[in-house]
């Protein structure tokens, strides 16, 4: 190994160590969830039944002066079982999607992300997807977006009620 290669490797290692040792960013104060849209995605026919899955699309922005390359995201989809109770008290776990590394590839923001769990709701034909959403037993779902950096704890960034709208894309 040449001295130049060894020096480069040492410099790269030092940069990685410094990056790992920087203090964590206060994600709750720093990150902003934008461009949020949502609905129920038409997942087609599964086992002879019409299937809808909750879907949320968003991006995350950060200030230009914040050193943060990526975050981990955990999107919880929760049934709203009692709308009269605030927050988590009126919710029941439905499904979650974990995204290990979401990069700020566009400088100060992530790419637009669409998150859909594999679990959804089904209805028998001839019931249409729109009729499924209006059924008296249909339960609304709320998406909660949690973020974390490295080994920090999860931070709740967004709670968003999924509207009863059918999405085809």
C-alpha atoms as a PDB file:
ATOM      1  CA  UNK A   1       0.000   0.000   0.000  1.00  0.00           C
ATOM      2  CA  UNK A   2       1.388   3.385  -0.939  1.00  0.00           C
ATOM      3  CA  UNK A   3       1.677   6.260   1.512  1.00  0.00           C
ATOM      4  CA  UNK A   4      -0.918   8.231  -0.429  1.00  0.00           C
ATOM      5  CA  UNK A   5      -3.447   5.351  -0.210  1.00  0.00           C
ATOM      6  CA  UNK A   6      -2.721   4.860   3.496  1.00  0.00           C
ATOM      7  CA  UNK A   7      -3.145   8.587   4.161  1.00  0.00           C
ATOM      8  CA  UNK A   8      -6.435   8.616   2.253  1.00  0.00           C
ATOM      9  CA  UNK A   9      -7.745   5.615   4.214  1.00  0.00           C
ATOM     10  CA  UNK A  10      -6.756   7.246   7.533  1.00  0.00           C
ATOM     11  CA  UNK A  11      -8.479  10.468   6.531  1.00  0.00           C
ATOM     12  CA  UNK A  12     -11.634   8.617   5.477  1.00  0.00           C
ATOM     13  CA  UNK A  13     -11.648   6.685   8.765  1.00  0.00           C
ATOM     14  CA  UNK A  14     -11.209   9.883  10.786  1.00  0.00           C
ATOM     15  CA  UNK A  15     -14.095  11.540   8.922  1.00  0.00           C
ATOM     16  CA  UNK A  16     -16.325   8.537   9.611  1.00  0.00           C
ATOM     17  CA  UNK A  17     -15.436   8.583  13.316  1.00  0.00           C
ATOM     18  CA  UNK A  18     -16.108  12.323  13.568  1.00  0.00           C
ATOM     19  CA  UNK A  19     -19.451  11.916  11.820  1.00  0.00           C
ATOM     20  CA  UNK A  20     -20.410   9.119  14.221  1.00  0.00           C
ATOM     21  CA  UNK A  21     -19.409  11.214  17.232  1.00  0.00           C
ATOM     22  CA  UNK A  22     -21.413  14.317  16.368  1.00  0.00           C
ATOM     23  CA  UNK A  23     -24.245  15.077  18.737  1.00  0.00           C
ATOM     24  CA  UNK A  24     -27.670  13.818  17.716  1.00  0.00           C
ATOM     25  CA  UNK A  25     -30.069  16.218  16.054  1.00  0.00           C
ATOM     26  CA  UNK A  26     -33.352  17.092  17.807  1.00  0.00           C
ATOM     27  CA  UNK A  27     -35.518  15.521  15.109  1.00  0.00           C
ATOM     28  CA  UNK A  28     -38.809  16.769  16.562  1.00  0.00           C
ATOM     29  CA  UNK A  29     -37.648  20.385  16.301  1.00  0.00           C
ATOM     30  CA  UNK A  30     -35.602  20.020  13.114  1.00  0.00           C
ATOM     31  CA  UNK A  31     -37.575  17.850  10.685  1.00  0.00           C
ATOM     32  CA  UNK A  32     -40.733  18.840   8.872  1.00  0.00           C
ATOM     33  CA  UNK A  33     -43.110  16.431   7.127  1.00  0.00           C
ATOM     34  CA  UNK A  34     -44.442  17.995   3.912  1.00  0.00           C
ATOM     35  CA  UNK A  35     -46.379  17.180   0.758  1.00  0.00           C
ATOM     36  CA  UNK A  36     -48.662  14.795   2.659  1.00  0.00           C
ATOM     37  CA  UNK A  37     -51.411  13.027   0.756  1.00  0.00           C
ATOM     38  CA  UNK A  38     -53.260   9.884   1.612  1.00  0.00           C
ATOM     39  CA  UNK A  39     -56.142   7.549   0.953  1.00  0.00           C
ATOM     40  CA  UNK A  40     -56.979   3.885   0.497  1.00  0.00           C
ATOM     41  CA  UNK A  41     -55.044   2.204  -2.314  1.00  0.00           C
ATOM     42  CA  UNK A  42     -56.905  -0.234  -4.539  1.00  0.00           C
ATOM     43  CA  UNK A  43     -54.741  -3.353  -4.137  1.00  0.00           C
ATOM     44  CA  UNK A  44     -56.864  -5.319  -6.602  1.00  0.00           C
ATOM     45  CA  UNK A  45     -58.578  -8.628  -6.001  1.00  0.00           C
ATOM     46  CA  UNK A  46     -57.023 -10.933  -3.396  1.00  0.00           C
ATOM     47  CA  UNK A  47     -58.524 -14.370  -2.743  1.00  0.00           C
ATOM     48  CA  UNK A  48     -61.595 -13.316  -4.724  1.00  0.00           C
ATOM     49  CA  UNK A  49     -62.198 -10.186  -2.623  1.00  0.00           C
ATOM     50  CA  UNK A  50     -61.660  -6.485  -3.337  1.00  0.00           C
ATOM     51  CA  UNK A  51     -58.748  -5.231  -1.223  1.00  0.00           C
ATOM     52  CA  UNK A  52     -57.919  -1.720  -0.017  1.00  0.00           C
ATOM     53  CA  UNK A  53     -54.787  -0.786   1.940  1.00  0.00           C
ATOM     54  CA  UNK A  54     -54.077   2.501   3.710  1.00  0.00           C
ATOM     55  CA  UNK A  55     -51.554   4.654   1.871  1.00  0.00           C
ATOM     56  CA  UNK A  56     -49.657   7.789   2.884  1.00  0.00           C
ATOM     57  CA  UNK A  57     -47.287   9.805   0.686  1.00  0.00           C
ATOM     58  CA  UNK A  58     -44.917  12.427   2.092  1.00  0.00           C
ATOM     59  CA  UNK A  59     -41.412  13.807   2.161  1.00  0.00           C
ATOM     60  CA  UNK A  60     -39.249  15.027   5.022  1.00  0.00           C
ATOM     61  CA  UNK A  61     -37.408  18.345   4.955  1.00  0.00           C
ATOM     62  CA  UNK A  62     -34.532  19.588   7.099  1.00  0.00           C
ATOM     63  CA  UNK A  63     -32.790  22.955   7.338  1.00  0.00           C
ATOM     64  CA  UNK A  64     -29.717  23.337   5.120  1.00  0.00           C
ATOM     65  CA  UNK A  65     -27.425  23.932   8.102  1.00  0.00           C
ATOM     66  CA  UNK A  66     -28.302  20.620   9.812  1.00  0.00           C
ATOM     67  CA  UNK A  67     -25.802  17.775   9.338  1.00  0.00           C
ATOM     68  CA  UNK A  68     -28.034  14.794   8.792  1.00  0.00           C
ATOM     69  CA  UNK A  69     -27.639  12.374   5.894  1.00  0.00           C
ATOM     70  CA  UNK A  70     -30.484   9.978   6.646  1.00  0.00           C
ATOM     71  CA  UNK A  71     -33.042   8.868   9.208  1.00  0.00           C
ATOM     72  CA  UNK A  72     -34.903   5.661   9.998  1.00  0.00           C
ATOM     73  CA  UNK A  73     -38.676   5.806   9.780  1.00  0.00           C
ATOM     74  CA  UNK A  74     -41.386   3.676  11.311  1.00  0.00           C
ATOM     75  CA  UNK A  75     -44.876   4.340   9.989  1.00  0.00           C
ATOM     76  CA  UNK A  76     -47.612   2.964  12.249  1.00  0.00           C
ATOM     77  CA  UNK A  77     -51.068   2.523  10.852  1.00  0.00           C
ATOM     78  CA  UNK A  78     -53.568   2.551  13.728  1.00  0.00           C
ATOM     79  CA  UNK A  79     -57.301   1.878  13.777  1.00  0.00           C
ATOM     80  CA  UNK A  80     -59.236   4.758  15.276  1.00  0.00           C
ATOM     81  CA  UNK A  81     -61.425   2.763  17.674  1.00  0.00           C
ATOM     82  CA  UNK A  82     -62.686   5.642  19.822  1.00  0.00           C
ATOM     83  CA  UNK A  83     -62.525   9.104  18.218  1.00  0.00           C
ATOM     84  CA  UNK A  84     -63.671  10.701  21.502  1.00  0.00           C
ATOM     85  CA  UNK A  85     -60.398   9.697  23.201  1.00  0.00           C
ATOM     86  CA  UNK A  86     -57.318  11.809  22.422  1.00  0.00           C
ATOM     87  CA  UNK A  87     -54.246  10.436  20.688  1.00  0.00           C
ATOM     88  CA  UNK A  88     -53.059   6.930  21.391  1.00  0.00           C
ATOM     89  CA  UNK A  89     -55.879   6.209  23.868  1.00  0.00           C
ATOM     90  CA  UNK A  90     -58.416   5.976  21.054  1.00  0.00           C
ATOM     91  CA  UNK A  91     -56.199   3.914  18.730  1.00  0.00           C
ATOM     92  CA  UNK A  92     -55.454   0.246  18.185  1.00  0.00           C
ATOM     93  CA  UNK A  93     -52.449  -1.178  16.331  1.00  0.00           C
ATOM     94  CA  UNK A  94     -53.259  -2.172  12.741  1.00  0.00           C
ATOM     95  CA  UNK A  95     -49.931  -2.492  10.881  1.00  0.00           C
ATOM     96  CA  UNK A  96     -46.533  -0.847  10.623  1.00  0.00           C
ATOM     97  CA  UNK A  97     -43.869  -0.332   7.973  1.00  0.00           C
ATOM     98  CA  UNK A  98     -40.189   0.139   8.885  1.00  0.00           C
ATOM     99  CA  UNK A  99     -37.829   2.046   6.567  1.00  0.00           C
ATOM    100  CA  UNK A 100     -34.283   1.558   7.818  1.00  0.00           C
ATOM    101  CA  UNK A 101     -32.546   4.279   5.808  1.00  0.00           C
ATOM    102  CA  UNK A 102     -34.277   7.264   4.259  1.00  0.00           C
ATOM    103  CA  UNK A 103     -31.676   9.547   2.727  1.00  0.00           C
ATOM    104  CA  UNK A 104     -31.835  13.283   2.200  1.00  0.00           C
ATOM    105  CA  UNK A 105     -30.884  12.605  -1.404  1.00  0.00           C
ATOM    106  CA  UNK A 106     -32.310  15.879  -2.703  1.00  0.00           C
ATOM    107  CA  UNK A 107     -30.147  18.041  -0.424  1.00  0.00           C
ATOM    108  CA  UNK A 108     -32.494  19.311   2.253  1.00  0.00           C
ATOM    109  CA  UNK A 109     -35.343  16.879   1.630  1.00  0.00           C
ATOM    110  CA  UNK A 110     -36.043  13.235   0.968  1.00  0.00           C
ATOM    111  CA  UNK A 111     -37.599  11.933  -2.182  1.00  0.00           C
ATOM    112  CA  UNK A 112     -41.386  11.679  -2.143  1.00  0.00           C
ATOM    113  CA  UNK A 113     -42.234   8.389  -0.387  1.00  0.00           C
ATOM    114  CA  UNK A 114     -45.395   6.323  -0.543  1.00  0.00           C
ATOM    115  CA  UNK A 115     -45.850   3.913   2.356  1.00  0.00           C
ATOM    116  CA  UNK A 116     -48.426   1.116   2.235  1.00  0.00           C
ATOM    117  CA  UNK A 117     -48.666  -1.841   4.605  1.00  0.00           C
ATOM    118  CA  UNK A 118     -49.446  -5.323   3.269  1.00  0.00           C
ATOM    119  CA  UNK A 119     -52.500  -5.566   5.541  1.00  0.00           C
ATOM    120  CA  UNK A 120     -55.717  -3.941   4.446  1.00  0.00           C
ATOM    121  CA  UNK A 121     -59.458  -4.443   4.358  1.00  0.00           C
ATOM    122  CA  UNK A 122     -61.443  -6.639   1.983  1.00  0.00           C
ATOM    123  CA  UNK A 123     -64.979  -6.704   0.683  1.00  0.00           C
ATOM    124  CA  UNK A 124     -66.991  -9.151  -1.372  1.00  0.00           C
ATOM    125  CA  UNK A 125     -68.167  -8.310  -4.873  1.00  0.00           C
ATOM    126  CA  UNK A 126     -70.459  -6.759  -5.999  1.00  0.00           C
ATOM    127  CA  UNK A 127     -69.538  -4.248  -3.265  1.00  0.00           C
ATOM    128  CA  UNK A 128     -67.396  -1.529  -4.849  1.00  0.00           C
ATOM    129  CA  UNK A 129     -64.321  -0.070  -3.205  1.00  0.00           C
ATOM    130  CA  UNK A 130     -66.182   3.203  -2.575  1.00  0.00           C
ATOM    131  CA  UNK A 131     -68.991   1.244  -0.901  1.00  0.00           C
ATOM    132  CA  UNK A 132     -66.412  -0.527   1.284  1.00  0.00           C
ATOM    133  CA  UNK A 133     -65.266   2.837   2.635  1.00  0.00           C
ATOM    134  CA  UNK A 134     -68.862   3.828   3.474  1.00  0.00           C
ATOM    135  CA  UNK A 135     -69.802   0.546   5.162  1.00  0.00           C
ATOM    136  CA  UNK A 136     -71.060   0.955   8.739  1.00  0.00           C
ATOM    137  CA  UNK A 137     -68.387  -1.438  10.092  1.00  0.00           C
ATOM    138  CA  UNK A 138     -65.471   0.278   8.334  1.00  0.00           C
ATOM    139  CA  UNK A 139     -62.873   1.594  10.803  1.00  0.00           C
ATOM    140  CA  UNK A 140     -60.840   4.686  10.049  1.00  0.00           C
ATOM    141  CA  UNK A 141     -57.042   4.503  10.192  1.00  0.00           C
ATOM    142  CA  UNK A 142     -54.475   7.044  11.340  1.00  0.00           C
ATOM    143  CA  UNK A 143     -50.867   7.022  10.114  1.00  0.00           C
ATOM    144  CA  UNK A 144     -48.192   7.969  12.661  1.00  0.00           C
ATOM    145  CA  UNK A 145     -44.703   8.683  11.336  1.00  0.00           C
ATOM    146  CA  UNK A 146     -41.832   8.123  13.769  1.00  0.00           C
ATOM    147  CA  UNK A 147     -38.190   8.955  13.022  1.00  0.00           C
ATOM    148  CA  UNK A 148     -34.863   8.258  14.652  1.00  0.00           C
ATOM    149  CA  UNK A 149     -31.222   8.902  14.000  1.00  0.00           C
ATOM    150  CA  UNK A 150     -28.689   6.210  14.789  1.00  0.00           C
ATOM    151  CA  UNK A 151     -29.275   4.952  18.343  1.00  0.00           C
ATOM    152  CA  UNK A 152     -31.564   7.766  19.527  1.00  0.00           C
ATOM    153  CA  UNK A 153     -35.133   7.099  20.614  1.00  0.00           C
ATOM    154  CA  UNK A 154     -38.092   7.272  18.242  1.00  0.00           C
ATOM    155  CA  UNK A 155     -39.685  10.704  17.785  1.00  0.00           C
ATOM    156  CA  UNK A 156     -43.303  11.171  16.685  1.00  0.00           C
ATOM    157  CA  UNK A 157     -43.255  13.506  13.652  1.00  0.00           C
ATOM    158  CA  UNK A 158     -46.779  13.256  12.274  1.00  0.00           C
ATOM    159  CA  UNK A 159     -50.239  11.888  12.986  1.00  0.00           C
ATOM    160  CA  UNK A 160     -52.457  11.926   9.905  1.00  0.00           C
ATOM    161  CA  UNK A 161     -55.966  10.519   9.483  1.00  0.00           C
ATOM    162  CA  UNK A 162     -56.338   8.520   6.273  1.00  0.00           C
ATOM    163  CA  UNK A 163     -59.291   9.981   4.333  1.00  0.00           C
ATOM    164  CA  UNK A 164     -61.916   7.668   2.888  1.00  0.00           C
ATOM    165  CA  UNK A 165     -60.734   8.171  -0.668  1.00  0.00           C
ATOM    166  CA  UNK A 166     -59.902   5.428  -3.174  1.00  0.00           C
ATOM    167  CA  UNK A 167     -56.454   5.712  -4.771  1.00  0.00           C
ATOM    168  CA  UNK A 168     -55.534   3.881  -7.957  1.00  0.00           C
ATOM    169  CA  UNK A 169     -51.868   4.928  -8.162  1.00  0.00           C
END
